[in-house]
Protein backbone atom coordinates (compact mmCIF):
# COMPACT_ATOMS: atom_id res chain seq x y z
CA UNK A 1 31.52 85.30 114.84
CA UNK A 2 32.30 86.20 118.43
CA UNK A 3 36.04 85.88 117.89
CA UNK A 4 35.96 88.23 114.93
CA UNK A 5 34.21 90.79 117.09
CA UNK A 6 36.22 90.20 120.26
CA UNK A 7 39.64 90.07 118.61
CA UNK A 8 39.41 93.82 117.98
CA UNK A 9 39.55 94.35 121.74
CA UNK A 10 42.21 91.78 122.63
CA UNK A 11 45.92 92.58 122.78
CA UNK A 12 49.01 90.45 123.48
CA UNK A 13 49.72 92.39 126.71
CA UNK A 14 46.28 91.74 128.27
CA UNK A 15 45.08 89.50 131.05
CA UNK A 16 41.46 88.50 130.49
CA UNK A 17 38.84 86.92 132.72
CA UNK A 18 36.42 84.39 131.29
CA UNK A 19 33.50 83.50 133.53
CA UNK A 20 31.73 80.22 132.84
CA UNK A 21 33.88 78.75 130.06
CA UNK A 22 31.77 75.64 129.55
CA UNK A 23 34.07 73.25 127.74
CA UNK A 24 36.53 75.95 126.68
CA UNK A 25 35.22 76.62 123.17
CA UNK A 26 36.09 80.31 123.37
CA UNK A 27 38.98 79.90 125.81
CA UNK A 28 41.11 78.20 123.16
CA UNK A 29 40.30 80.93 120.66
CA UNK A 30 41.01 83.84 123.00
CA UNK A 31 44.11 82.47 124.77
CA UNK A 32 46.50 82.79 121.80
CA UNK A 33 45.59 86.47 121.49
CA UNK A 34 46.38 87.52 125.08
CA UNK A 35 49.19 87.31 127.63
CA UNK A 36 47.11 85.42 130.22
CA UNK A 37 43.62 84.06 130.57
CA UNK A 38 41.94 83.52 133.91
CA UNK A 39 39.11 81.03 133.63
CA UNK A 40 36.55 81.01 136.44
CA UNK A 41 33.78 78.48 136.88
CA UNK A 42 31.61 77.12 139.67
CA UNK A 43 31.98 73.53 138.47
CA UNK A 44 35.25 71.65 138.75
CA UNK A 45 34.15 69.41 135.87
CA UNK A 46 33.95 72.40 133.48
CA UNK A 47 37.36 73.64 134.60
CA UNK A 48 38.79 70.16 134.03
CA UNK A 49 37.31 70.02 130.52
CA UNK A 50 38.65 73.46 129.67
CA UNK A 51 42.06 72.67 131.16
CA UNK A 52 42.26 69.44 129.14
CA UNK A 53 41.20 71.19 125.94
CA UNK A 54 43.88 73.84 126.42
CA UNK A 55 46.54 71.24 127.22
CA UNK A 56 45.67 69.23 124.11
CA UNK A 57 46.35 72.33 122.01
CA UNK A 58 49.52 73.37 123.84
CA UNK A 59 47.90 76.43 125.42
CA UNK A 60 49.76 77.20 128.64
CA UNK A 61 48.85 80.79 129.50
CA UNK A 62 45.74 79.96 131.52
CA UNK A 63 44.89 80.01 135.19
CA UNK A 64 41.87 78.02 136.31
CA UNK A 65 39.85 79.18 139.31
CA UNK A 66 37.01 77.34 141.04
CA UNK A 67 34.60 79.83 142.59
CA UNK A 68 30.88 80.24 143.04
CA UNK A 69 30.90 83.82 141.77
C-alpha cells in the first residue's frame, strides 16, 4: 500500500505538504508519522472534510490551507 511505501520516507521531525487531500484518506495515515502536516486544497469543502476526519481521530498536527495552486 501507499503508506507502507511512504512510511520509509517519513520521520517524526518532518513537516509534510499534501496537495489535494480529497477527504483525508491519506492525511490521517501520514499525520501520526510526522511532526506537522500542511494540507492544501482548492476546495473549501475538501478541507472541511479532511479537517473533520482528523478531528474525529484526535489528530491535531495539521494546518489547512485553501489555495488554487
